[in-house]
Amino acid sequence: MFPPCVVWKPLTAASIPEAPLEVVLPDELRDSLRLLKPEGNLLKDRFRSMMIRGKVESRRQVAYTKQKKYTVSEKWSYKDWQLPK
């Protein structure tokens, strides 16, 4: 596959997530494979396989930062009004 001098290294220090164990219990088994419901998520499986092959970089999830809360206030020029006489 690779020449002997080439050593494969992962792109990042983040590890590739483990594949979830997909088990079908005996009471969920059907007589036919056509009646068996699919398990797992195809998108997650494809994304993990691309990380293993080195096509996509594996990263840790980035936490969302807190956004500034804006306060609405009236200006003093609006507050300084007087009733007409």
C-alpha atoms as a PDB file:
ATOM      1  CA  MET A   1       0.000   0.000   0.000  1.00  0.00           C
ATOM      2  CA  PHE A   2       2.605   2.570   1.117  1.00  0.00           C
ATOM      3  CA  PRO A   3       6.314   2.418   0.342  1.00  0.00           C
ATOM      4  CA  PRO A   4       8.370   1.208   3.329  1.00  0.00           C
ATOM      5  CA  CYS A   5       9.760   4.693   4.013  1.00  0.00           C
ATOM      6  CA  VAL A   6       6.317   6.323   4.374  1.00  0.00           C
ATOM      7  CA  VAL A   7       4.765   6.186   7.831  1.00  0.00           C
ATOM      8  CA  TRP A   8       1.099   7.073   8.277  1.00  0.00           C
ATOM      9  CA  LYS A   9       0.386   9.691  10.957  1.00  0.00           C
ATOM     10  CA  PRO A  10      -3.003  10.945  12.113  1.00  0.00           C
ATOM     11  CA  LEU A  11      -3.819  14.513  11.108  1.00  0.00           C
ATOM     12  CA  THR A  12      -4.618  15.702  14.631  1.00  0.00           C
ATOM     13  CA  ALA A  13      -4.099  14.706  18.233  1.00  0.00           C
ATOM     14  CA  ALA A  14      -7.849  14.145  18.687  1.00  0.00           C
ATOM     15  CA  SER A  15      -8.729  10.469  18.678  1.00  0.00           C
ATOM     16  CA  ILE A  16     -11.259   8.881  16.357  1.00  0.00           C
ATOM     17  CA  PRO A  17     -14.503   8.072  18.200  1.00  0.00           C
ATOM     18  CA  GLU A  18     -15.250   4.432  18.864  1.00  0.00           C
ATOM     19  CA  ALA A  19     -17.954   2.798  16.781  1.00  0.00           C
ATOM     20  CA  PRO A  20     -21.134   2.137  18.767  1.00  0.00           C
ATOM     21  CA  LEU A  21     -21.980  -1.499  19.311  1.00  0.00           C
ATOM     22  CA  GLU A  22     -25.098  -2.334  17.307  1.00  0.00           C
ATOM     23  CA  VAL A  23     -26.820  -5.389  18.726  1.00  0.00           C
ATOM     24  CA  VAL A  24     -30.149  -6.908  17.737  1.00  0.00           C
ATOM     25  CA  LEU A  25     -31.853  -8.777  20.549  1.00  0.00           C
ATOM     26  CA  PRO A  26     -33.393 -12.191  19.849  1.00  0.00           C
ATOM     27  CA  ASP A  27     -36.948 -10.897  20.311  1.00  0.00           C
ATOM     28  CA  GLU A  28     -36.291  -8.193  17.673  1.00  0.00           C
ATOM     29  CA  LEU A  29     -35.152 -10.714  15.048  1.00  0.00           C
ATOM     30  CA  ARG A  30     -37.518 -11.398  12.159  1.00  0.00           C
ATOM     31  CA  ASP A  31     -37.975 -14.394   9.890  1.00  0.00           C
ATOM     32  CA  SER A  32     -36.749 -12.383   6.900  1.00  0.00           C
ATOM     33  CA  LEU A  33     -33.943  -9.838   6.601  1.00  0.00           C
ATOM     34  CA  ARG A  34     -36.308  -7.607   4.624  1.00  0.00           C
ATOM     35  CA  LEU A  35     -38.457  -7.145   7.718  1.00  0.00           C
ATOM     36  CA  LEU A  36     -35.469  -6.195   9.899  1.00  0.00           C
ATOM     37  CA  LYS A  37     -35.351  -2.494  10.785  1.00  0.00           C
ATOM     38  CA  PRO A  38     -32.062  -0.695  10.048  1.00  0.00           C
ATOM     39  CA  GLU A  39     -29.956   0.234  13.080  1.00  0.00           C
ATOM     40  CA  GLY A  40     -27.534   3.144  13.489  1.00  0.00           C
ATOM     41  CA  ASN A  41     -26.973   6.319  11.537  1.00  0.00           C
ATOM     42  CA  LEU A  42     -25.573   6.166   8.010  1.00  0.00           C
ATOM     43  CA  LEU A  43     -24.169   9.710   8.134  1.00  0.00           C
ATOM     44  CA  LYS A  44     -22.223   9.073  11.346  1.00  0.00           C
ATOM     45  CA  ASP A  45     -20.892   5.769   9.974  1.00  0.00           C
ATOM     46  CA  ARG A  46     -19.679   7.388   6.740  1.00  0.00           C
ATOM     47  CA  PHE A  47     -18.114  10.324   8.611  1.00  0.00           C
ATOM     48  CA  ARG A  48     -16.259   7.979  10.978  1.00  0.00           C
ATOM     49  CA  SER A  49     -14.962   5.870   8.082  1.00  0.00           C
ATOM     50  CA  MET A  50     -13.667   9.030   6.358  1.00  0.00           C
ATOM     51  CA  MET A  51     -11.854   9.992   9.581  1.00  0.00           C
ATOM     52  CA  ILE A  52     -10.253   6.539   9.730  1.00  0.00           C
ATOM     53  CA  ARG A  53      -9.118   6.780   6.103  1.00  0.00           C
ATOM     54  CA  GLY A  54      -7.701  10.273   6.704  1.00  0.00           C
ATOM     55  CA  LYS A  55     -10.051  12.116   4.349  1.00  0.00           C
ATOM     56  CA  VAL A  56     -11.540  14.244   7.150  1.00  0.00           C
ATOM     57  CA  GLU A  57      -9.732  15.672  10.138  1.00  0.00           C
ATOM     58  CA  SER A  58     -10.894  14.398  13.538  1.00  0.00           C
ATOM     59  CA  ARG A  59     -11.604  17.180  16.000  1.00  0.00           C
ATOM     60  CA  ARG A  60     -12.991  17.713  19.456  1.00  0.00           C
ATOM     61  CA  GLN A  61     -16.360  19.392  19.737  1.00  0.00           C
ATOM     62  CA  VAL A  62     -16.100  23.143  20.191  1.00  0.00           C
ATOM     63  CA  ALA A  63     -18.186  24.552  23.021  1.00  0.00           C
ATOM     64  CA  TYR A  64     -20.335  27.517  22.156  1.00  0.00           C
ATOM     65  CA  THR A  65     -19.210  30.829  23.623  1.00  0.00           C
ATOM     66  CA  LYS A  66     -21.572  32.971  25.611  1.00  0.00           C
ATOM     67  CA  GLN A  67     -22.907  35.890  23.636  1.00  0.00           C
ATOM     68  CA  LYS A  68     -23.354  39.334  25.082  1.00  0.00           C
ATOM     69  CA  LYS A  69     -26.879  40.121  26.276  1.00  0.00           C
ATOM     70  CA  TYR A  70     -28.026  43.470  24.980  1.00  0.00           C
ATOM     71  CA  THR A  71     -30.227  45.720  27.089  1.00  0.00           C
ATOM     72  CA  VAL A  72     -32.673  48.163  25.550  1.00  0.00           C
ATOM     73  CA  SER A  73     -32.828  51.588  27.179  1.00  0.00           C
ATOM     74  CA  GLU A  74     -34.274  54.964  26.271  1.00  0.00           C
ATOM     75  CA  LYS A  75     -32.062  57.969  25.716  1.00  0.00           C
ATOM     76  CA  TRP A  76     -32.291  60.931  28.064  1.00  0.00           C
ATOM     77  CA  SER A  77     -33.306  63.238  25.212  1.00  0.00           C
ATOM     78  CA  TYR A  78     -36.466  61.202  24.858  1.00  0.00           C
ATOM     79  CA  LYS A  79     -37.171  61.227  28.608  1.00  0.00           C
ATOM     80  CA  ASP A  80     -36.802  65.022  29.019  1.00  0.00           C
ATOM     81  CA  TRP A  81     -40.127  66.129  27.606  1.00  0.00           C
ATOM     82  CA  GLN A  82     -42.707  68.385  29.154  1.00  0.00           C
ATOM     83  CA  LEU A  83     -46.438  68.704  28.817  1.00  0.00           C
ATOM     84  CA  PRO A  84     -47.531  71.642  26.616  1.00  0.00           C
ATOM     85  CA  LYS A  85     -49.306  74.407  28.569  1.00  0.00           C
END
